[in-house]
Amino acid sequence: MARYELIIYWSNDDKAFIAEIPELPGCMADGRTYQEAMDNVELIAREWVETAKELGRAIPEPKGRLVYA
């Protein structure tokens, strides 16, 4: 599995940690703990890539650290 940037933050609304992989649109998961959110988003990322392959869609190459303004 390629290494993508992972963003994890606490959501007061959801009362959970949210983990996102910005380079894979829509790839996000939550968890009651930081580790659970990380584990869940890794599973979702694998499924995201598998689905993209099945549909013949391009899979973004990891860019490393992303910069946001």
Protein backbone atom coordinates (compact mmCIF):
# COMPACT_ATOMS: atom_id res chain seq x y z
CA MET A 1 0.00 0.00 0.00
CA ALA A 2 1.36 3.39 -0.99
CA ARG A 3 1.95 6.00 1.70
CA TYR A 4 -0.38 8.96 1.57
CA GLU A 5 -0.56 11.92 3.89
CA LEU A 6 -2.99 11.28 6.73
CA ILE A 7 -4.80 14.02 8.65
CA ILE A 8 -6.41 13.16 11.99
CA TYR A 9 -8.43 15.56 14.11
CA TRP A 10 -11.02 15.49 16.87
CA SER A 11 -14.63 16.31 15.95
CA ASN A 12 -16.71 17.72 18.79
CA ASP A 13 -19.86 17.23 16.70
CA ASP A 14 -19.16 13.53 16.17
CA LYS A 15 -17.39 12.95 19.49
CA ALA A 16 -14.80 10.97 17.53
CA PHE A 17 -11.45 11.26 15.82
CA ILE A 18 -11.75 11.81 12.06
CA ALA A 19 -9.01 10.55 9.73
CA GLU A 20 -8.76 11.75 6.13
CA ILE A 21 -6.47 11.01 3.20
CA PRO A 22 -6.76 14.18 1.09
CA GLU A 23 -5.18 12.66 -2.03
CA LEU A 24 -7.94 10.03 -2.22
CA PRO A 25 -11.17 12.03 -2.61
CA GLY A 26 -13.78 11.03 -0.07
CA CYS A 27 -11.41 8.69 1.77
CA MET A 28 -12.12 9.24 5.44
CA ALA A 29 -13.09 7.29 8.55
CA ASP A 30 -13.70 7.87 12.22
CA GLY A 31 -12.91 6.16 15.48
CA ARG A 32 -13.42 6.49 19.22
CA THR A 33 -9.64 6.61 19.64
CA TYR A 34 -6.80 8.03 17.55
CA GLN A 35 -5.55 4.51 16.77
CA GLU A 36 -9.03 3.27 15.82
CA ALA A 37 -9.44 6.16 13.37
CA MET A 38 -6.03 5.34 11.85
CA ASP A 39 -6.86 1.65 11.52
CA ASN A 40 -10.26 2.41 9.99
CA VAL A 41 -8.93 4.85 7.40
CA GLU A 42 -6.21 2.38 6.36
CA LEU A 43 -8.92 -0.18 5.62
CA ILE A 44 -10.98 2.40 3.71
CA ALA A 45 -7.90 3.46 1.71
CA ARG A 46 -7.24 -0.13 0.63
CA GLU A 47 -10.88 -0.45 -0.43
CA TRP A 48 -10.69 2.93 -2.23
CA VAL A 49 -7.68 1.74 -4.28
CA GLU A 50 -9.25 -1.68 -5.00
CA THR A 51 -12.45 -0.02 -6.22
CA ALA A 52 -10.55 2.45 -8.39
CA LYS A 53 -8.65 -0.45 -9.99
CA GLU A 54 -11.88 -2.38 -10.63
CA LEU A 55 -13.43 0.70 -12.29
CA GLY A 56 -10.31 1.45 -14.31
CA ARG A 57 -9.79 4.81 -12.61
CA ALA A 58 -6.45 6.47 -12.01
CA ILE A 59 -4.89 6.02 -8.57
CA PRO A 60 -3.02 9.13 -7.40
CA GLU A 61 0.64 8.76 -6.57
CA PRO A 62 1.50 9.85 -3.03
CA LYS A 63 2.92 13.36 -3.10
CA GLY A 64 4.33 13.37 0.38
CA ARG A 65 3.60 16.26 2.64
CA LEU A 66 0.84 18.47 1.31
CA VAL A 67 0.72 22.18 2.02
CA TYR A 68 -2.53 23.96 2.76
CA ALA A 69 -3.08 27.72 2.78
